[in-house]
Protein backbone atom coordinates (compact mmCIF):
# COMPACT_ATOMS: atom_id res chain seq x y z
CA UNK A 1 -61.49 217.17 -46.12
CA UNK A 2 -59.57 220.16 -47.47
CA UNK A 3 -55.79 220.46 -47.36
CA UNK A 4 -56.04 223.33 -44.85
CA UNK A 5 -58.24 221.26 -42.59
CA UNK A 6 -55.86 218.30 -42.79
CA UNK A 7 -52.88 220.53 -42.04
CA UNK A 8 -54.66 222.04 -39.04
CA UNK A 9 -55.68 218.64 -37.68
CA UNK A 10 -52.14 217.34 -38.04
CA UNK A 11 -50.68 220.42 -36.33
CA UNK A 12 -53.27 220.34 -33.53
CA UNK A 13 -52.65 216.64 -32.93
CA UNK A 14 -48.91 217.25 -32.65
CA UNK A 15 -49.11 220.31 -30.39
CA UNK A 16 -52.16 219.68 -28.21
CA UNK A 17 -50.30 217.97 -25.35
CA UNK A 18 -47.63 220.68 -25.18
CA UNK A 19 -50.34 223.35 -25.09
CA UNK A 20 -52.20 221.41 -22.41
CA UNK A 21 -49.04 221.19 -20.29
CA UNK A 22 -48.60 224.95 -20.55
CA UNK A 23 -52.25 225.58 -19.68
CA UNK A 24 -52.12 223.16 -16.75
CA UNK A 25 -49.03 224.84 -15.34
CA UNK A 26 -50.69 228.24 -15.76
CA UNK A 27 -53.95 227.29 -14.11
CA UNK A 28 -53.19 224.43 -11.75
CA UNK A 29 -56.62 223.08 -12.77
CA UNK A 30 -56.87 220.27 -15.31
CA UNK A 31 -60.43 221.03 -16.40
CA UNK A 32 -59.80 224.74 -16.90
CA UNK A 33 -56.58 223.92 -18.75
CA UNK A 34 -58.49 221.65 -21.14
CA UNK A 35 -61.06 224.39 -21.74
CA UNK A 36 -58.33 226.94 -22.45
CA UNK A 37 -56.63 224.63 -24.95
CA UNK A 38 -59.92 223.83 -26.66
CA UNK A 39 -60.73 227.54 -27.00
CA UNK A 40 -57.23 228.28 -28.30
CA UNK A 41 -57.41 225.48 -30.87
CA UNK A 42 -60.79 226.75 -32.03
CA UNK A 43 -59.39 230.25 -32.49
CA UNK A 44 -56.37 228.90 -34.37
CA UNK A 45 -58.65 226.80 -36.60
CA UNK A 46 -60.70 229.86 -37.49
CA UNK A 47 -57.52 231.71 -38.51
CA UNK A 48 -55.57 228.74 -39.85
CA UNK A 49 -55.01 230.08 -43.39
CA UNK A 50 -53.32 233.18 -42.00
CA UNK A 51 -51.49 231.42 -39.16
CA UNK A 52 -50.31 228.26 -40.95
CA UNK A 53 -47.31 229.94 -42.54
CA UNK A 54 -46.44 231.86 -39.38
CA UNK A 55 -46.43 230.81 -35.75
CA UNK A 56 -49.73 229.07 -34.89
CA UNK A 57 -48.32 227.72 -31.63
CA UNK A 58 -47.28 231.19 -30.49
CA UNK A 59 -50.76 232.46 -31.26
CA UNK A 60 -52.35 229.52 -29.40
CA UNK A 61 -50.10 230.10 -26.40
CA UNK A 62 -50.98 233.79 -26.42
CA UNK A 63 -54.70 232.93 -26.45
CA UNK A 64 -54.24 230.52 -23.54
CA UNK A 65 -52.33 233.03 -21.44
CA UNK A 66 -54.64 235.95 -22.15
CA UNK A 67 -57.82 233.92 -21.67
CA UNK A 68 -56.49 232.63 -18.36
CA UNK A 69 -55.70 236.14 -17.17
CA UNK A 70 -59.16 237.31 -18.31
CA UNK A 71 -60.75 234.42 -16.41
CA UNK A 72 -58.83 235.36 -13.30
CA UNK A 73 -59.71 239.05 -13.61
CA UNK A 74 -63.42 238.26 -13.90
CA UNK A 75 -63.32 236.25 -10.71
CA UNK A 76 -60.70 238.26 -8.79
CA UNK A 77 -60.09 235.30 -6.58
CA UNK A 78 -56.34 235.32 -6.30
CA UNK A 79 -55.46 232.73 -3.74
CA UNK A 80 -51.93 233.05 -2.52
CA UNK A 81 -50.98 230.06 -0.45
CA UNK A 82 -49.23 230.71 2.82
CA UNK A 83 -45.92 228.82 2.72
CA UNK A 84 -46.20 228.28 6.48
CA UNK A 85 -49.37 226.26 5.88
CA UNK A 86 -47.74 224.00 3.29
CA UNK A 87 -47.58 220.38 4.23
CA UNK A 88 -44.07 218.97 4.18
CA UNK A 89 -43.63 216.28 1.55
CA UNK A 90 -43.82 212.73 2.81
CA UNK A 91 -40.35 211.21 3.23
CA UNK A 92 -41.27 207.94 1.48
CA UNK A 93 -42.21 209.62 -1.81
CA UNK A 94 -39.85 209.47 -4.75
CA UNK A 95 -37.68 212.58 -5.19
CA UNK A 96 -39.45 213.49 -8.45
CA UNK A 97 -42.83 213.39 -6.71
CA UNK A 98 -41.44 215.49 -3.86
CA UNK A 99 -40.19 218.08 -6.32
CA UNK A 100 -43.47 218.10 -8.20
CA UNK A 101 -45.52 218.62 -5.04
CA UNK A 102 -43.18 221.38 -3.89
CA UNK A 103 -43.27 223.02 -7.29
CA UNK A 104 -47.07 222.88 -7.52
CA UNK A 105 -47.38 224.42 -4.06
CA UNK A 106 -44.81 227.10 -4.90
CA UNK A 107 -46.47 227.97 -8.23
CA UNK A 108 -49.76 228.39 -6.36
CA UNK A 109 -48.18 231.27 -4.41
CA UNK A 110 -47.69 233.31 -7.59
CA UNK A 111 -50.09 235.77 -9.15
CA UNK A 112 -51.48 234.68 -12.55
CA UNK A 113 -49.11 237.01 -14.41
CA UNK A 114 -46.07 235.83 -12.44
CA UNK A 115 -47.07 232.23 -13.00
CA UNK A 116 -47.50 232.89 -16.72
CA UNK A 117 -44.04 234.42 -16.95
CA UNK A 118 -42.42 231.49 -15.15
CA UNK A 119 -44.24 228.91 -17.26
CA UNK A 120 -43.51 230.64 -20.55
CA UNK A 121 -39.86 231.36 -19.76
CA UNK A 122 -38.80 228.19 -17.92
CA UNK A 123 -41.19 225.46 -19.06
CA UNK A 124 -41.88 226.55 -22.62
CA UNK A 125 -38.34 227.95 -22.92
CA UNK A 126 -39.45 231.18 -24.57
CA UNK A 127 -37.18 234.19 -24.86
CA UNK A 128 -38.07 237.31 -22.91
CA UNK A 129 -39.30 238.89 -26.17
CA UNK A 130 -41.51 235.88 -27.04
CA UNK A 131 -42.93 235.75 -23.50
CA UNK A 132 -43.64 239.49 -23.69
CA UNK A 133 -45.43 239.00 -27.02
CA UNK A 134 -47.50 236.13 -25.60
CA UNK A 135 -48.48 238.22 -22.59
CA UNK A 136 -48.96 241.46 -24.50
CA UNK A 137 -46.52 243.32 -22.25
CA UNK A 138 -43.07 244.86 -22.56
CA UNK A 139 -39.82 242.94 -22.15
CA UNK A 140 -39.18 245.06 -19.04
CA UNK A 141 -42.42 243.80 -17.52
CA UNK A 142 -41.38 240.20 -18.23
CA UNK A 143 -38.03 240.84 -16.54
CA UNK A 144 -39.56 242.46 -13.46
CA UNK A 145 -42.30 239.83 -13.12
CA UNK A 146 -39.69 237.08 -13.51
CA UNK A 147 -37.59 238.65 -10.77
CA UNK A 148 -40.59 238.94 -8.43
CA UNK A 149 -41.81 235.42 -9.24
CA UNK A 150 -38.43 233.81 -8.65
CA UNK A 151 -38.04 235.64 -5.34
CA UNK A 152 -41.51 234.51 -4.30
CA UNK A 153 -40.73 230.92 -5.35
CA UNK A 154 -37.49 230.94 -3.32
CA UNK A 155 -39.41 232.19 -0.29
CA UNK A 156 -42.28 229.75 -0.77
CA UNK A 157 -40.19 226.66 -1.39
CA UNK A 158 -36.62 226.85 -0.11
CA UNK A 159 -36.78 223.04 0.10
CA UNK A 160 -37.02 222.90 -3.69
CA UNK A 161 -33.66 224.62 -4.08
CA UNK A 162 -32.20 222.23 -1.50
CA UNK A 163 -33.60 219.19 -3.32
CA UNK A 164 -32.13 220.35 -6.60
CA UNK A 165 -28.72 220.96 -4.95
CA UNK A 166 -28.75 217.44 -3.45
CA UNK A 167 -29.25 215.85 -6.86
CA UNK A 168 -26.50 217.84 -8.57
């Protein structure tokens, strides 16, 4: 095994779960998330010599986001959940499970681009510039999509804000 191959395998092993988390939050579908990560890792492996000294994770994240948007565009099946149809969380569930269910339902109300912005900015903790680079858009687009997404999340899941206030 070559040194480059060893370095890639080590990097991929360390970053695969974080990339999968990002992909899962973007897609809401575990199988599609796994496919996106596998495709991204393959593309990074093919370009490892060039990427190793730079930002291979940023490139992988960019591939995941763009491939997910391409997948969505090909299918044009945006499904925006109606918050009125959401099932209230069961009272006997743990608060963390309640929050997770509310968050998953709320994220499902976002368009793929809005969801990508929220995931990259608030889960992956990217700057506006880094999120813009990953999405291939301007910083202004990231700001406007973030604003729209957060408004939509507040409308879709006001209970989430209440839950977070209760725990503070």
